[in-house]
């Protein structure tokens, strides 16, 4: 685990971690020998953690957003309104959507970051979406401050798993904007809100949440064709934890009363030429040693209307 910068306080702990690592490597190798996955697993910074330890550190309770700010209008939604399509959603035209879009190739995606021991995936996903839209609007790619959200949005973040992209967009709107990462750098821990560092670099007009219904994936496709979109995915599986490359097709475990999620940002969609599988590419905040340089290809177009790992359930994106 030295290549992942791991060190342990005692010899006993090092031996215990090595045993966990050994068992996980055996499981990775056994999974990779199975035929038909279409993706491979690999060692990463999580391989010395048991599944229980990983879930304790990297899962959160996801509460669907109750309101959306769009311009000066405050829109309150309930489940019935979402089902009826009354939530302010992206107004697109599926027939005009390109076969593939990659916002990384268009210069609208900053490098993958690592959230570390601070559970702030909602802030990372929201910031990536705002960075992308700002670049699309202005041609300027400005890394923005996740730490400002962690320190200053006390209602939603402070390294709390309850923080969502929608909450982050609300803070950015109500605060008048968000600082650049260079002015308010990430520390991976809760700190005191530094108002002197809050020089606004980028502001938003509001945000929208896509409705969850039988057309959820089509609407999500339309939205991603226009800009990067923040989503929540259920990563409650060893395979997600150990993903290396290929088009991920699960498993993902759903629980009835709890959505163990990681907020991520969709930055590309397309189709694998070799297999014909359609996919999303998500940008995660687990550093560049996880997955494909910090990214994952997730299968799209599956029968479940929630999408793979629930990716269609609660997409949100900023407006400017």
Protein backbone atom coordinates (compact mmCIF):
# COMPACT_ATOMS: atom_id res chain seq x y z
CA UNK A 1 0.00 0.00 0.00
CA UNK A 2 3.04 2.28 -0.07
CA UNK A 3 2.13 3.49 -3.57
CA UNK A 4 -1.05 4.94 -2.05
CA UNK A 5 0.82 6.76 0.71
CA UNK A 6 -0.47 4.50 3.48
CA UNK A 7 1.30 4.26 6.84
CA UNK A 8 0.13 2.75 10.11
CA UNK A 9 0.76 3.76 13.74
CA UNK A 10 1.76 0.32 15.05
CA UNK A 11 3.14 -2.97 13.76
CA UNK A 12 -0.04 -4.74 14.87
CA UNK A 13 -2.16 -2.35 12.84
CA UNK A 14 0.11 -2.78 9.83
CA UNK A 15 -0.26 -6.57 10.05
CA UNK A 16 -4.02 -6.29 10.39
CA UNK A 17 -4.22 -3.99 7.38
CA UNK A 18 -2.04 -6.32 5.33
CA UNK A 19 -4.39 -9.21 6.07
CA UNK A 20 -7.40 -7.13 4.97
CA UNK A 21 -5.47 -6.08 1.88
CA UNK A 22 -4.55 -9.70 1.06
CA UNK A 23 -8.15 -10.89 1.31
CA UNK A 24 -9.40 -8.02 -0.83
CA UNK A 25 -6.77 -8.70 -3.51
CA UNK A 26 -7.89 -12.33 -3.62
CA UNK A 27 -11.48 -11.20 -4.08
CA UNK A 28 -10.46 -8.74 -6.81
CA UNK A 29 -8.59 -11.46 -8.70
CA UNK A 30 -11.48 -13.92 -8.36
CA UNK A 31 -13.96 -11.35 -9.67
CA UNK A 32 -11.74 -10.47 -12.62
CA UNK A 33 -11.58 -14.14 -13.63
CA UNK A 34 -15.35 -14.27 -14.02
CA UNK A 35 -16.59 -13.85 -17.58
CA UNK A 36 -19.13 -11.28 -18.70
CA UNK A 37 -18.54 -8.29 -16.44
CA UNK A 38 -17.23 -5.90 -19.07
CA UNK A 39 -15.13 -4.16 -16.42
CA UNK A 40 -12.17 -4.99 -14.19
CA UNK A 41 -11.36 -4.38 -10.56
CA UNK A 42 -8.00 -3.32 -9.19
CA UNK A 43 -6.07 -2.34 -6.09
CA UNK A 44 -6.48 1.23 -4.89
CA UNK A 45 -6.31 3.34 -1.73
CA UNK A 46 -9.32 1.47 -0.30
CA UNK A 47 -7.94 -2.07 -0.62
CA UNK A 48 -6.75 -2.15 3.00
CA UNK A 49 -10.27 -1.39 4.28
CA UNK A 50 -12.98 -3.90 5.03
CA UNK A 51 -16.31 -3.28 3.33
CA UNK A 52 -17.75 -2.14 6.67
CA UNK A 53 -14.93 0.37 7.20
CA UNK A 54 -15.24 1.69 3.67
CA UNK A 55 -18.99 2.19 3.99
CA UNK A 56 -18.61 3.89 7.37
CA UNK A 57 -16.20 6.44 5.90
CA UNK A 58 -17.63 6.94 2.43
CA UNK A 59 -21.40 6.64 2.61
CA UNK A 60 -24.05 9.19 3.43
CA UNK A 61 -27.76 9.58 3.83
CA UNK A 62 -29.20 11.33 0.78
CA UNK A 63 -32.26 13.52 1.26
CA UNK A 64 -33.95 14.54 -2.01
CA UNK A 65 -33.95 18.34 -2.40
CA UNK A 66 -37.13 20.04 -1.24
CA UNK A 67 -36.73 23.27 -3.16
CA UNK A 68 -35.02 24.82 -6.12
CA UNK A 69 -33.86 28.35 -6.77
CA UNK A 70 -34.15 29.51 -10.36
CA UNK A 71 -33.46 33.19 -10.82
CA UNK A 72 -35.46 35.09 -8.21
CA UNK A 73 -38.15 32.44 -8.04
CA UNK A 74 -38.28 29.98 -5.16
CA UNK A 75 -39.95 26.75 -6.20
CA UNK A 76 -41.06 24.26 -3.56
CA UNK A 77 -41.66 20.71 -4.72
CA UNK A 78 -43.25 17.57 -3.38
CA UNK A 79 -43.11 14.02 -4.67
CA UNK A 80 -46.43 14.47 -6.51
CA UNK A 81 -45.20 17.60 -8.24
CA UNK A 82 -42.05 15.83 -9.38
CA UNK A 83 -44.08 12.93 -10.76
CA UNK A 84 -46.31 15.37 -12.68
CA UNK A 85 -43.30 17.10 -14.19
CA UNK A 86 -43.98 20.37 -12.31
CA UNK A 87 -40.39 20.64 -11.13
CA UNK A 88 -38.42 23.16 -13.24
CA UNK A 89 -36.48 20.76 -15.44
CA UNK A 90 -34.22 21.03 -18.43
CA UNK A 91 -36.20 21.89 -21.55
CA UNK A 92 -34.35 19.98 -24.23
CA UNK A 93 -34.95 18.12 -27.45
CA UNK A 94 -33.79 14.52 -27.45
CA UNK A 95 -33.72 14.39 -31.25
CA UNK A 96 -31.09 17.15 -31.23
CA UNK A 97 -28.81 15.47 -28.68
CA UNK A 98 -25.40 14.39 -30.09
CA UNK A 99 -24.46 10.70 -29.93
CA UNK A 100 -21.66 11.54 -27.50
CA UNK A 101 -20.45 14.54 -25.53
CA UNK A 102 -17.23 14.83 -23.51
CA UNK A 103 -16.90 17.99 -21.44
CA UNK A 104 -13.32 17.08 -20.58
CA UNK A 105 -12.36 17.32 -24.25
CA UNK A 106 -14.13 20.69 -24.41
CA UNK A 107 -11.99 22.04 -21.55
CA UNK A 108 -14.84 22.32 -19.06
CA UNK A 109 -13.56 19.90 -16.39
CA UNK A 110 -10.89 20.57 -13.76
CA UNK A 111 -8.55 17.79 -12.53
CA UNK A 112 -9.96 15.10 -10.22
CA UNK A 113 -9.55 15.97 -6.53
CA UNK A 114 -9.57 13.85 -3.38
CA UNK A 115 -12.08 14.52 -0.61
CA UNK A 116 -9.87 12.68 1.89
CA UNK A 117 -11.38 12.11 5.31
CA UNK A 118 -14.01 14.82 4.87
CA UNK A 119 -17.32 13.50 3.56
CA UNK A 120 -18.09 16.38 1.22
CA UNK A 121 -18.90 14.65 -2.04
CA UNK A 122 -21.97 16.85 -2.52
CA UNK A 123 -19.76 19.93 -2.46
CA UNK A 124 -17.25 18.41 -4.90
CA UNK A 125 -19.98 17.39 -7.34
CA UNK A 126 -21.67 20.78 -7.21
CA UNK A 127 -18.41 22.68 -7.63
CA UNK A 128 -17.51 20.56 -10.67
CA UNK A 129 -20.89 21.35 -12.24
CA UNK A 130 -20.49 25.10 -11.60
CA UNK A 131 -16.91 25.07 -12.92
CA UNK A 132 -18.11 23.37 -16.08
CA UNK A 133 -21.01 25.73 -16.74
CA UNK A 134 -18.83 28.79 -16.10
CA UNK A 135 -16.29 27.55 -18.65
CA UNK A 136 -19.06 26.89 -21.18
CA UNK A 137 -20.40 30.42 -20.67
CA UNK A 138 -17.10 32.33 -20.53
CA UNK A 139 -14.34 30.09 -21.90
CA UNK A 140 -12.55 30.33 -18.53
CA UNK A 141 -11.95 27.21 -16.41
CA UNK A 142 -11.60 28.31 -12.77
CA UNK A 143 -11.15 25.70 -9.99
CA UNK A 144 -13.58 26.70 -7.25
CA UNK A 145 -13.49 26.33 -3.47
CA UNK A 146 -14.97 23.19 -1.96
CA UNK A 147 -13.59 24.30 1.39
CA UNK A 148 -15.82 27.38 1.43
CA UNK A 149 -18.86 25.11 1.30
CA UNK A 150 -17.42 22.87 4.04
CA UNK A 151 -16.66 25.80 6.34
CA UNK A 152 -19.42 28.28 5.58
CA UNK A 153 -22.54 26.32 4.63
CA UNK A 154 -23.23 25.13 8.16
CA UNK A 155 -26.74 23.92 7.34
CA UNK A 156 -25.58 21.33 4.85
CA UNK A 157 -21.89 20.54 5.02
CA UNK A 158 -19.14 20.65 7.68
CA UNK A 159 -17.89 17.28 6.32
CA UNK A 160 -21.41 15.91 6.79
CA UNK A 161 -22.86 13.16 4.59
CA UNK A 162 -26.12 15.11 4.47
CA UNK A 163 -24.65 17.73 2.13
CA UNK A 164 -26.11 17.57 -1.37
CA UNK A 165 -25.34 19.35 -4.66
CA UNK A 166 -28.72 21.10 -4.46
CA UNK A 167 -27.79 22.47 -1.02
CA UNK A 168 -24.45 23.65 -2.41
CA UNK A 169 -26.11 25.43 -5.33
CA UNK A 170 -28.49 27.11 -2.89
CA UNK A 171 -25.58 28.36 -0.77
CA UNK A 172 -23.71 29.69 -3.81
CA UNK A 173 -26.80 31.55 -5.01
CA UNK A 174 -27.73 33.01 -1.62
CA UNK A 175 -24.11 33.92 -0.83
CA UNK A 176 -23.74 35.81 -4.08
CA UNK A 177 -21.13 33.39 -5.42
CA UNK A 178 -18.20 31.19 -4.45
CA UNK A 179 -14.46 31.80 -4.09
CA UNK A 180 -11.72 30.31 -6.23
CA UNK A 181 -9.89 27.28 -4.84
CA UNK A 182 -6.63 29.24 -4.99
CA UNK A 183 -8.08 31.84 -2.59
CA UNK A 184 -9.77 29.34 -0.28
CA UNK A 185 -7.87 26.01 -0.58
CA UNK A 186 -9.13 22.60 0.51
CA UNK A 187 -7.94 21.18 3.85
CA UNK A 188 -10.10 18.01 4.08
CA UNK A 189 -11.40 19.03 7.50
CA UNK A 190 -13.95 21.37 9.01
CA UNK A 191 -12.72 24.87 9.68
CA UNK A 192 -13.97 28.31 10.65
CA UNK A 193 -15.62 30.21 7.82
CA UNK A 194 -13.03 32.63 6.47
CA UNK A 195 -15.05 35.56 5.19
CA UNK A 196 -11.89 37.39 4.10
CA UNK A 197 -11.13 34.58 1.66
CA UNK A 198 -14.65 34.63 0.25
CA UNK A 199 -13.83 36.85 -2.72
CA UNK A 200 -16.41 35.78 -5.28
CA UNK A 201 -14.99 34.16 -8.40
CA UNK A 202 -18.18 32.68 -9.87
CA UNK A 203 -21.88 33.16 -9.13
CA UNK A 204 -24.99 31.26 -10.21
CA UNK A 205 -28.52 32.36 -11.05
CA UNK A 206 -30.05 29.25 -9.55
CA UNK A 207 -30.31 25.54 -10.10
CA UNK A 208 -32.70 22.92 -11.38
CA UNK A 209 -33.44 19.34 -10.41
CA UNK A 210 -34.63 16.92 -13.07
CA UNK A 211 -37.98 15.21 -12.44
CA UNK A 212 -37.97 11.53 -11.61
CA UNK A 213 -40.33 9.68 -13.96
CA UNK A 214 -40.27 7.28 -16.89
CA UNK A 215 -38.39 9.89 -18.96
CA UNK A 216 -35.70 10.55 -16.36
CA UNK A 217 -32.81 9.16 -18.40
CA UNK A 218 -33.86 11.02 -21.54
CA UNK A 219 -34.04 14.30 -19.63
CA UNK A 220 -30.69 13.59 -17.99
CA UNK A 221 -29.17 12.95 -21.42
CA UNK A 222 -30.52 16.27 -22.68
CA UNK A 223 -29.08 18.07 -19.66
CA UNK A 224 -25.61 16.49 -19.92
CA UNK A 225 -25.54 17.42 -23.61
CA UNK A 226 -25.67 21.04 -22.40
CA UNK A 227 -23.42 20.96 -19.32
CA UNK A 228 -21.92 18.72 -16.59
CA UNK A 229 -24.61 17.51 -14.18
CA UNK A 230 -24.32 16.53 -10.49
CA UNK A 231 -25.93 13.21 -9.51
CA UNK A 232 -26.01 10.80 -6.57
CA UNK A 233 -25.01 7.16 -7.04
CA UNK A 234 -25.38 4.22 -4.69
CA UNK A 235 -21.88 2.82 -4.30
CA UNK A 236 -22.76 0.14 -1.77
CA UNK A 237 -20.70 -2.66 -3.31
CA UNK A 238 -17.17 -4.03 -3.21
CA UNK A 239 -17.10 -3.81 -7.00
CA UNK A 240 -17.73 -0.06 -6.99
CA UNK A 241 -15.11 0.41 -4.27
CA UNK A 242 -12.52 -1.55 -6.29
CA UNK A 243 -13.44 -0.41 -9.82
CA UNK A 244 -10.49 0.00 -12.19
CA UNK A 245 -11.71 0.28 -15.79
CA UNK A 246 -14.34 -0.79 -18.32
CA UNK A 247 -18.09 -0.12 -18.37
CA UNK A 248 -19.38 -0.73 -14.84
CA UNK A 249 -22.68 -2.62 -14.77
CA UNK A 250 -23.12 -3.24 -11.06
CA UNK A 251 -23.86 -4.68 -8.63
CA UNK A 252 -25.35 -1.81 -6.67
CA UNK A 253 -27.37 -2.50 -3.53
CA UNK A 254 -30.47 -0.46 -2.75
CA UNK A 255 -31.95 -0.16 0.72
CA UNK A 256 -35.56 0.76 1.29
CA UNK A 257 -35.06 3.45 3.91
CA UNK A 258 -31.51 4.62 3.29
CA UNK A 259 -29.68 5.68 0.16
CA UNK A 260 -25.98 5.16 0.66
CA UNK A 261 -24.65 7.56 -1.89
CA UNK A 262 -21.69 9.32 -3.36
CA UNK A 263 -22.35 12.57 -5.18
CA UNK A 264 -20.49 12.71 -8.49
CA UNK A 265 -20.62 14.72 -11.71
CA UNK A 266 -21.50 13.35 -15.14
CA UNK A 267 -18.98 14.78 -17.61
CA UNK A 268 -19.52 12.55 -20.63
CA UNK A 269 -21.89 10.12 -22.28
CA UNK A 270 -21.29 7.82 -25.23
CA UNK A 271 -21.28 4.24 -26.46
CA UNK A 272 -18.53 1.62 -26.24
CA UNK A 273 -17.55 0.66 -29.79
CA UNK A 274 -16.46 -2.87 -28.85
CA UNK A 275 -19.50 -3.92 -26.81
CA UNK A 276 -22.21 -1.51 -27.91
CA UNK A 277 -22.89 -0.60 -24.28
CA UNK A 278 -24.08 2.93 -23.69
CA UNK A 279 -22.44 4.68 -20.75
CA UNK A 280 -22.06 7.76 -18.61
CA UNK A 281 -18.65 8.91 -17.41
CA UNK A 282 -18.72 10.22 -13.86
CA UNK A 283 -16.09 12.37 -12.18
CA UNK A 284 -15.61 11.21 -8.59
CA UNK A 285 -13.76 12.86 -5.69
CA UNK A 286 -11.69 9.89 -4.51
CA UNK A 287 -8.45 10.98 -6.15
CA UNK A 288 -6.84 9.86 -9.39
CA UNK A 289 -5.75 6.42 -8.13
CA UNK A 290 -9.36 5.19 -8.06
CA UNK A 291 -10.94 4.02 -11.31
CA UNK A 292 -9.77 5.45 -14.62
CA UNK A 293 -7.79 8.38 -13.25
CA UNK A 294 -10.65 9.23 -10.90
CA UNK A 295 -13.42 8.57 -13.44
CA UNK A 296 -15.85 5.68 -13.95
CA UNK A 297 -17.81 4.50 -16.97
CA UNK A 298 -21.33 3.55 -15.81
CA UNK A 299 -23.74 1.64 -18.02
CA UNK A 300 -26.83 3.58 -19.10
CA UNK A 301 -29.99 2.45 -20.83
CA UNK A 302 -30.81 -0.32 -18.33
CA UNK A 303 -34.37 -1.46 -17.60
CA UNK A 304 -34.55 0.06 -14.10
CA UNK A 305 -35.94 3.63 -14.48
CA UNK A 306 -33.73 4.75 -11.58
CA UNK A 307 -30.71 3.95 -13.74
CA UNK A 308 -27.64 2.03 -12.65
CA UNK A 309 -26.94 2.70 -8.97
CA UNK A 310 -29.83 5.20 -8.95
CA UNK A 311 -28.00 7.67 -11.19
CA UNK A 312 -31.26 8.94 -12.77
CA UNK A 313 -32.98 9.63 -9.45
CA UNK A 314 -31.82 13.10 -8.32
CA UNK A 315 -29.75 14.95 -10.96
CA UNK A 316 -29.18 18.66 -10.37
CA UNK A 317 -27.38 21.36 -12.32
CA UNK A 318 -26.72 25.09 -11.91
CA UNK A 319 -28.04 27.92 -14.07
CA UNK A 320 -26.28 31.18 -14.93
